[in-house]
PDB file of N, CA and C in Angstrom:
ATOM      1  N   MET A   1     148.862  41.659 157.774  1.00  0.00           N
ATOM      2  CA  MET A   1     148.109  43.140 158.153  1.00  0.00           C
ATOM      3  C   MET A   1     146.623  42.830 157.246  1.00  0.00           C
ATOM      4  N   PRO A   2     145.512  43.528 157.783  1.00  0.00           N
ATOM      5  CA  PRO A   2     144.448  43.104 156.915  1.00  0.00           C
ATOM      6  C   PRO A   2     144.717  44.729 156.099  1.00  0.00           C
ATOM      7  N   LEU A   3     143.975  44.039 155.100  1.00  0.00           N
ATOM      8  CA  LEU A   3     143.048  45.419 154.274  1.00  0.00           C
ATOM      9  C   LEU A   3     141.494  45.784 154.162  1.00  0.00           C
ATOM     10  N   TYR A   4     141.591  46.854 154.325  1.00  0.00           N
ATOM     11  CA  TYR A   4     140.133  47.908 155.070  1.00  0.00           C
ATOM     12  C   TYR A   4     139.998  48.588 153.705  1.00  0.00           C
ATOM     13  N   GLU A   5     138.625  49.041 153.689  1.00  0.00           N
ATOM     14  CA  GLU A   5     137.995  49.458 152.432  1.00  0.00           C
ATOM     15  C   GLU A   5     138.078  50.841 153.141  1.00  0.00           C
ATOM     16  N   TYR A   6     138.231  52.023 152.268  1.00  0.00           N
ATOM     17  CA  TYR A   6     137.599  53.807 152.781  1.00  0.00           C
ATOM     18  C   TYR A   6     136.812  54.150 152.239  1.00  0.00           C
ATOM     19  N   ALA A   7     136.199  55.194 152.600  1.00  0.00           N
ATOM     20  CA  ALA A   7     135.343  56.756 151.512  1.00  0.00           C
ATOM     21  C   ALA A   7     135.719  57.624 152.543  1.00  0.00           C
ATOM     22  N   CYS A   8     137.001  58.297 151.933  1.00  0.00           N
ATOM     23  CA  CYS A   8     137.114  59.835 152.714  1.00  0.00           C
ATOM     24  C   CYS A   8     135.858  60.794 152.469  1.00  0.00           C
ATOM     25  N   ARG A   9     136.131  62.019 153.354  1.00  0.00           N
ATOM     26  CA  ARG A   9     134.687  62.202 153.987  1.00  0.00           C
ATOM     27  C   ARG A   9     134.949  63.462 153.214  1.00  0.00           C
ATOM     28  N   GLU A  10     135.873  64.003 153.260  1.00  0.00           N
ATOM     29  CA  GLU A  10     136.324  64.854 152.598  1.00  0.00           C
ATOM     30  C   GLU A  10     136.364  65.418 151.186  1.00  0.00           C
ATOM     31  N   CYS A  11     136.670  64.599 150.173  1.00  0.00           N
ATOM     32  CA  CYS A  11     136.820  64.335 148.404  1.00  0.00           C
ATOM     33  C   CYS A  11     135.934  63.110 148.160  1.00  0.00           C
ATOM     34  N   ALA A  12     135.379  62.111 149.231  1.00  0.00           N
ATOM     35  CA  ALA A  12     134.317  61.214 148.587  1.00  0.00           C
ATOM     36  C   ALA A  12     134.924  59.849 148.221  1.00  0.00           C
ATOM     37  N   LYS A  13     136.173  59.954 147.803  1.00  0.00           N
ATOM     38  CA  LYS A  13     137.264  59.223 147.463  1.00  0.00           C
ATOM     39  C   LYS A  13     137.120  57.945 147.966  1.00  0.00           C
ATOM     40  N   GLU A  14     136.967  56.423 147.612  1.00  0.00           N
ATOM     41  CA  GLU A  14     136.989  55.123 147.883  1.00  0.00           C
ATOM     42  C   GLU A  14     138.456  54.637 147.432  1.00  0.00           C
ATOM     43  N   PHE A  15     138.985  54.219 148.632  1.00  0.00           N
ATOM     44  CA  PHE A  15     140.077  53.257 148.218  1.00  0.00           C
ATOM     45  C   PHE A  15     140.389  52.427 149.904  1.00  0.00           C
ATOM     46  N   GLU A  16     141.552  51.262 149.075  1.00  0.00           N
ATOM     47  CA  GLU A  16     141.671  49.972 150.570  1.00  0.00           C
ATOM     48  C   GLU A  16     143.088  50.268 150.452  1.00  0.00           C
ATOM     49  N   ALA A  17     142.996  49.958 152.210  1.00  0.00           N
ATOM     50  CA  ALA A  17     144.801  50.223 152.376  1.00  0.00           C
ATOM     51  C   ALA A  17     145.369  48.916 153.374  1.00  0.00           C
ATOM     52  N   LEU A  18     146.212  48.437 153.358  1.00  0.00           N
ATOM     53  CA  LEU A  18     146.430  47.381 154.266  1.00  0.00           C
ATOM     54  C   LEU A  18     147.066  48.303 155.631  1.00  0.00           C
ATOM     55  N   VAL A  19     146.301  48.357 156.872  1.00  0.00           N
ATOM     56  CA  VAL A  19     146.714  49.217 157.922  1.00  0.00           C
ATOM     57  C   VAL A  19     146.787  48.194 159.192  1.00  0.00           C
ATOM     58  N   ARG A  20     148.152  48.505 159.518  1.00  0.00           N
ATOM     59  CA  ARG A  20     147.752  47.426 161.597  1.00  0.00           C
ATOM     60  C   ARG A  20     147.330  48.837 161.841  1.00  0.00           C
ATOM     61  N   SER A  21     146.850  47.435 162.975  1.00  0.00           N
ATOM     62  CA  SER A  21     145.948  48.413 164.224  1.00  0.00           C
ATOM     63  C   SER A  21     146.556  49.394 164.589  1.00  0.00           C
ATOM     64  N   SER A  22     147.169  49.883 164.958  1.00  0.00           N
ATOM     65  CA  SER A  22     147.891  50.885 165.625  1.00  0.00           C
ATOM     66  C   SER A  22     148.476  52.021 164.508  1.00  0.00           C
ATOM     67  N   GLU A  23     147.639  51.888 162.949  1.00  0.00           N
ATOM     68  CA  GLU A  23     147.299  53.205 162.154  1.00  0.00           C
ATOM     69  C   GLU A  23     146.538  53.651 161.921  1.00  0.00           C
ATOM     70  N   THR A  24     146.909  54.660 161.130  1.00  0.00           N
ATOM     71  CA  THR A  24     145.442  55.283 161.103  1.00  0.00           C
ATOM     72  C   THR A  24     146.083  56.540 159.663  1.00  0.00           C
ATOM     73  N   PRO A  25     145.235  55.291 158.253  1.00  0.00           N
ATOM     74  CA  PRO A  25     145.539  56.147 156.428  1.00  0.00           C
ATOM     75  C   PRO A  25     145.132  57.193 156.705  1.00  0.00           C
ATOM     76  N   ALA A  26     145.251  57.698 155.622  1.00  0.00           N
ATOM     77  CA  ALA A  26     144.942  58.597 154.803  1.00  0.00           C
ATOM     78  C   ALA A  26     144.622  58.733 153.466  1.00  0.00           C
ATOM     79  N   CYS A  27     144.051  59.306 153.409  1.00  0.00           N
ATOM     80  CA  CYS A  27     143.452  59.498 151.771  1.00  0.00           C
ATOM     81  C   CYS A  27     144.262  59.404 150.291  1.00  0.00           C
ATOM     82  N   PRO A  28     144.353  59.330 150.096  1.00  0.00           N
ATOM     83  CA  PRO A  28     146.119  58.720 149.006  1.00  0.00           C
ATOM     84  C   PRO A  28     145.328  60.615 147.680  1.00  0.00           C
ATOM     85  N   SER A  29     144.141  60.807 148.018  1.00  0.00           N
ATOM     86  CA  SER A  29     143.630  61.799 146.697  1.00  0.00           C
ATOM     87  C   SER A  29     144.300  63.265 147.593  1.00  0.00           C
ATOM     88  N   CYS A  30     143.656  63.590 148.930  1.00  0.00           N
ATOM     89  CA  CYS A  30     143.409  64.476 149.538  1.00  0.00           C
ATOM     90  C   CYS A  30     144.400  64.621 150.727  1.00  0.00           C
ATOM     91  N   HIS A  31     144.792  63.653 151.551  1.00  0.00           N
ATOM     92  CA  HIS A  31     145.644  63.314 152.452  1.00  0.00           C
ATOM     93  C   HIS A  31     144.821  63.751 153.950  1.00  0.00           C
ATOM     94  N   SER A  32     143.663  64.058 153.695  1.00  0.00           N
ATOM     95  CA  SER A  32     142.727  63.891 154.759  1.00  0.00           C
ATOM     96  C   SER A  32     143.166  62.304 155.506  1.00  0.00           C
ATOM     97  N   ALA A  33     142.486  62.421 156.830  1.00  0.00           N
ATOM     98  CA  ALA A  33     142.189  61.542 158.031  1.00  0.00           C
ATOM     99  C   ALA A  33     141.157  61.793 158.271  1.00  0.00           C
ATOM    100  N   ASP A  34     140.093  61.836 157.901  1.00  0.00           N
ATOM    101  CA  ASP A  34     139.112  61.897 158.149  1.00  0.00           C
ATOM    102  C   ASP A  34     138.084  60.984 156.935  1.00  0.00           C
ATOM    103  N   LEU A  35     138.335  59.946 157.817  1.00  0.00           N
ATOM    104  CA  LEU A  35     137.562  58.454 157.101  1.00  0.00           C
ATOM    105  C   LEU A  35     136.614  57.658 157.495  1.00  0.00           C
ATOM    106  N   GLN A  36     136.028  57.050 156.325  1.00  0.00           N
ATOM    107  CA  GLN A  36     134.860  56.466 157.072  1.00  0.00           C
ATOM    108  C   GLN A  36     135.158  54.781 156.663  1.00  0.00           C
ATOM    109  N   ARG A  37     135.411  53.861 157.548  1.00  0.00           N
ATOM    110  CA  ARG A  37     135.485  52.383 157.580  1.00  0.00           C
ATOM    111  C   ARG A  37     134.665  51.750 156.627  1.00  0.00           C
ATOM    112  N   LYS A  38     134.219  51.259 155.355  1.00  0.00           N
ATOM    113  CA  LYS A  38     133.457  50.450 155.140  1.00  0.00           C
ATOM    114  C   LYS A  38     133.810  49.218 155.427  1.00  0.00           C
ATOM    115  N   LEU A  39     132.082  48.684 155.336  1.00  0.00           N
ATOM    116  CA  LEU A  39     132.353  46.787 154.990  1.00  0.00           C
ATOM    117  C   LEU A  39     132.589  46.654 153.644  1.00  0.00           C
ATOM    118  N   SER A  40     133.572  45.674 153.673  1.00  0.00           N
ATOM    119  CA  SER A  40     134.355  44.641 152.575  1.00  0.00           C
ATOM    120  C   SER A  40     133.541  43.165 152.524  1.00  0.00           C
ATOM    121  N   VAL A  41     133.202  43.021 150.795  1.00  0.00           N
ATOM    122  CA  VAL A  41     133.120  41.923 151.022  1.00  0.00           C
ATOM    123  C   VAL A  41     134.085  40.939 150.469  1.00  0.00           C
ATOM    124  N   PHE A  42     133.670  39.581 150.910  1.00  0.00           N
ATOM    125  CA  PHE A  42     135.054  38.686 151.027  1.00  0.00           C
ATOM    126  C   PHE A  42     134.648  38.035 149.624  1.00  0.00           C
ATOM    127  N   ALA A  43     136.142  37.468 149.242  1.00  0.00           N
ATOM    128  CA  ALA A  43     136.197  37.144 147.614  1.00  0.00           C
ATOM    129  C   ALA A  43     136.523  35.575 148.091  1.00  0.00           C
ATOM    130  N   ALA A  44     135.433  33.962 147.909  1.00  0.00           N
ATOM    131  CA  ALA A  44     136.039  33.359 147.903  1.00  0.00           C
ATOM    132  C   ALA A  44     137.032  32.535 147.158  1.00  0.00           C
ATOM    133  N   HIS A  45     138.236  31.814 146.860  1.00  0.00           N
ATOM    134  CA  HIS A  45     138.411  31.174 145.876  1.00  0.00           C
ATOM    135  C   HIS A  45     137.882  30.103 145.972  1.00  0.00           C
ATOM    136  N   THR A  46     137.231  29.590 144.777  1.00  0.00           N
ATOM    137  CA  THR A  46     136.740  27.729 144.739  1.00  0.00           C
ATOM    138  C   THR A  46     137.059  26.904 143.257  1.00  0.00           C
ATOM    139  N   GLN A  47     137.408  25.615 143.555  1.00  0.00           N
ATOM    140  CA  GLN A  47     137.809  24.856 142.337  1.00  0.00           C
ATOM    141  C   GLN A  47     137.356  25.322 140.941  1.00  0.00           C
ATOM    142  N   GLY A  48     137.841  25.146 140.391  1.00  0.00           N
ATOM    143  CA  GLY A  48     137.492  25.246 138.730  1.00  0.00           C
ATOM    144  C   GLY A  48     137.004  26.592 138.664  1.00  0.00           C
ATOM    145  N   GLY A  49     137.050  27.534 138.960  1.00  0.00           N
ATOM    146  CA  GLY A  49     137.292  28.876 138.673  1.00  0.00           C
ATOM    147  C   GLY A  49     135.804  29.708 137.766  1.00  0.00           C
ATOM    148  N   SER A  50     135.401  28.618 138.528  1.00  0.00           N
ATOM    149  CA  SER A  50     133.778  29.128 137.699  1.00  0.00           C
ATOM    150  C   SER A  50     132.839  30.468 138.272  1.00  0.00           C
ATOM    151  N   SER A  51     132.851  31.425 137.672  1.00  0.00           N
ATOM    152  CA  SER A  51     131.971  32.512 137.850  1.00  0.00           C
ATOM    153  C   SER A  51     130.270  32.761 138.007  1.00  0.00           C
ATOM    154  N   SER A  52     130.051  31.757 138.054  1.00  0.00           N
ATOM    155  CA  SER A  52     128.169  31.556 137.470  1.00  0.00           C
ATOM    156  C   SER A  52     128.176  31.566 138.843  1.00  0.00           C
ATOM    157  N   GLY A  53     128.796  31.226 139.618  1.00  0.00           N
ATOM    158  CA  GLY A  53     128.166  31.918 141.686  1.00  0.00           C
ATOM    159  C   GLY A  53     127.705  30.593 142.231  1.00  0.00           C
ATOM    160  N   GLU A  54     127.931  29.656 141.618  1.00  0.00           N
ATOM    161  CA  GLU A  54     127.256  28.404 142.113  1.00  0.00           C
ATOM    162  C   GLU A  54     128.141  28.090 143.096  1.00  0.00           C
ATOM    163  N   MET A  55     127.645  26.714 143.983  1.00  0.00           N
ATOM    164  CA  MET A  55     128.745  25.758 145.280  1.00  0.00           C
ATOM    165  C   MET A  55     129.283  25.173 144.641  1.00  0.00           C
ATOM    166  N   PRO A  56     129.995  24.232 144.607  1.00  0.00           N
ATOM    167  CA  PRO A  56     130.771  22.663 143.897  1.00  0.00           C
ATOM    168  C   PRO A  56     129.846  21.800 144.981  1.00  0.00           C
ATOM    169  N   ALA A  57     129.355  21.165 144.330  1.00  0.00           N
ATOM    170  CA  ALA A  57     128.785  19.895 145.157  1.00  0.00           C
ATOM    171  C   ALA A  57     130.083  19.351 146.319  1.00  0.00           C
ATOM    172  N   MET A  58     129.123  19.139 147.048  1.00  0.00           N
ATOM    173  CA  MET A  58     129.766  18.216 148.355  1.00  0.00           C
ATOM    174  C   MET A  58     129.860  17.165 148.411  1.00  0.00           C
ATOM    175  N   GLY A  59     130.784  16.445 148.891  1.00  0.00           N
ATOM    176  CA  GLY A  59     131.450  15.315 148.717  1.00  0.00           C
ATOM    177  C   GLY A  59     130.897  14.614 150.223  1.00  0.00           C
ATOM    178  N   PRO A  60     131.270  13.053 150.579  1.00  0.00           N
ATOM    179  CA  PRO A  60     131.112  12.310 151.218  1.00  0.00           C
ATOM    180  C   PRO A  60     132.045  13.588 152.571  1.00  0.00           C
ATOM    181  N   CYS A  61     131.419  13.171 153.562  1.00  0.00           N
ATOM    182  CA  CYS A  61     131.417  13.537 154.946  1.00  0.00           C
ATOM    183  C   CYS A  61     132.979  12.877 155.337  1.00  0.00           C
ATOM    184  N   GLY A  62     133.821  13.594 155.920  1.00  0.00           N
ATOM    185  CA  GLY A  62     134.778  13.580 156.157  1.00  0.00           C
ATOM    186  C   GLY A  62     135.303  12.305 157.167  1.00  0.00           C
ATOM    187  N   SER A  63     134.749  12.288 158.172  1.00  0.00           N
ATOM    188  CA  SER A  63     134.901  11.804 159.472  1.00  0.00           C
ATOM    189  C   SER A  63     134.325  10.325 159.219  1.00  0.00           C
ATOM    190  N   CYS A  64     132.562   9.949 158.468  1.00  0.00           N
ATOM    191  CA  CYS A  64     132.235   8.784 158.586  1.00  0.00           C
ATOM    192  C   CYS A  64     131.508   8.088 157.201  1.00  0.00           C
ATOM    193  N   GLY A  65     132.368   9.230 156.060  1.00  0.00           N
ATOM    194  CA  GLY A  65     131.892   8.841 155.156  1.00  0.00           C
ATOM    195  C   GLY A  65     130.247   8.683 154.594  1.00  0.00           C
ATOM    196  N   ASP A  66     129.346   9.620 154.810  1.00  0.00           N
ATOM    197  CA  ASP A  66     128.038   9.621 155.073  1.00  0.00           C
ATOM    198  C   ASP A  66     127.449  10.662 153.602  1.00  0.00           C
ATOM    199  N   PRO A  67     126.787   9.969 152.471  1.00  0.00           N
ATOM    200  CA  PRO A  67     126.855  10.670 151.584  1.00  0.00           C
ATOM    201  C   PRO A  67     126.399  11.591 151.466  1.00  0.00           C
ATOM    202  N   ARG A  68     125.785  12.869 152.190  1.00  0.00           N
ATOM    203  CA  ARG A  68     125.386  13.592 152.611  1.00  0.00           C
ATOM    204  C   ARG A  68     125.798  14.619 153.361  1.00  0.00           C
ATOM    205  N   GLY A  69     126.795  14.680 153.488  1.00  0.00           N
ATOM    206  CA  GLY A  69     128.265  15.660 153.622  1.00  0.00           C
ATOM    207  C   GLY A  69     128.505  16.252 154.779  1.00  0.00           C
ATOM    208  N   PRO A  70     129.671  16.515 155.084  1.00  0.00           N
ATOM    209  CA  PRO A  70     129.781  17.048 156.301  1.00  0.00           C
ATOM    210  C   PRO A  70     128.608  17.383 157.290  1.00  0.00           C
ATOM    211  N   GLY A  71     128.598  16.693 158.570  1.00  0.00           N
ATOM    212  CA  GLY A  71     127.895  17.637 159.024  1.00  0.00           C
ATOM    213  C   GLY A  71     126.663  16.877 158.792  1.00  0.00           C
ATOM    214  N   SER A  72     125.976  15.962 158.195  1.00  0.00           N
ATOM    215  CA  SER A  72     124.836  14.919 158.553  1.00  0.00           C
ATOM    216  C   SER A  72     124.944  14.203 159.703  1.00  0.00           C
ATOM    217  N   CYS A  73     126.151  13.447 159.738  1.00  0.00           N
ATOM    218  CA  CYS A  73     126.497  12.542 160.745  1.00  0.00           C
ATOM    219  C   CYS A  73     126.146  13.079 161.897  1.00  0.00           C
ATOM    220  N   SER A  74     126.179  11.723 163.103  1.00  0.00           N
ATOM    221  CA  SER A  74     126.171  12.090 164.451  1.00  0.00           C
ATOM    222  C   SER A  74     127.569  11.794 165.264  1.00  0.00           C
ATOM    223  N   MET A  75     128.785  12.041 164.088  1.00  0.00           N
ATOM    224  CA  MET A  75     130.249  11.783 164.301  1.00  0.00           C
ATOM    225  C   MET A  75     130.481  13.311 165.550  1.00  0.00           C
ATOM    226  N   ASN A  76     130.205  14.232 164.869  1.00  0.00           N
ATOM    227  CA  ASN A  76     130.758  15.317 165.109  1.00  0.00           C
ATOM    228  C   ASN A  76     130.017  15.492 167.409  1.00  0.00           C
TER     229      ASN A  76
END
């Protein structure tokens, strides 16, 4: 089940809900179904747990070993 973020148009409460495609959630505060689905920002788990926002250094290409990283060679 996907996790969606919603904003209630009745009471302005923002919340998250696990929702099947055929279900319509209700606001946990006022129980209204007049909701706006919000765009979500997804989180990516990286090794090392650094919160500095840096991307880890790329390693060699898995297909040919090119040191410039994946997609650098013409093996694709």
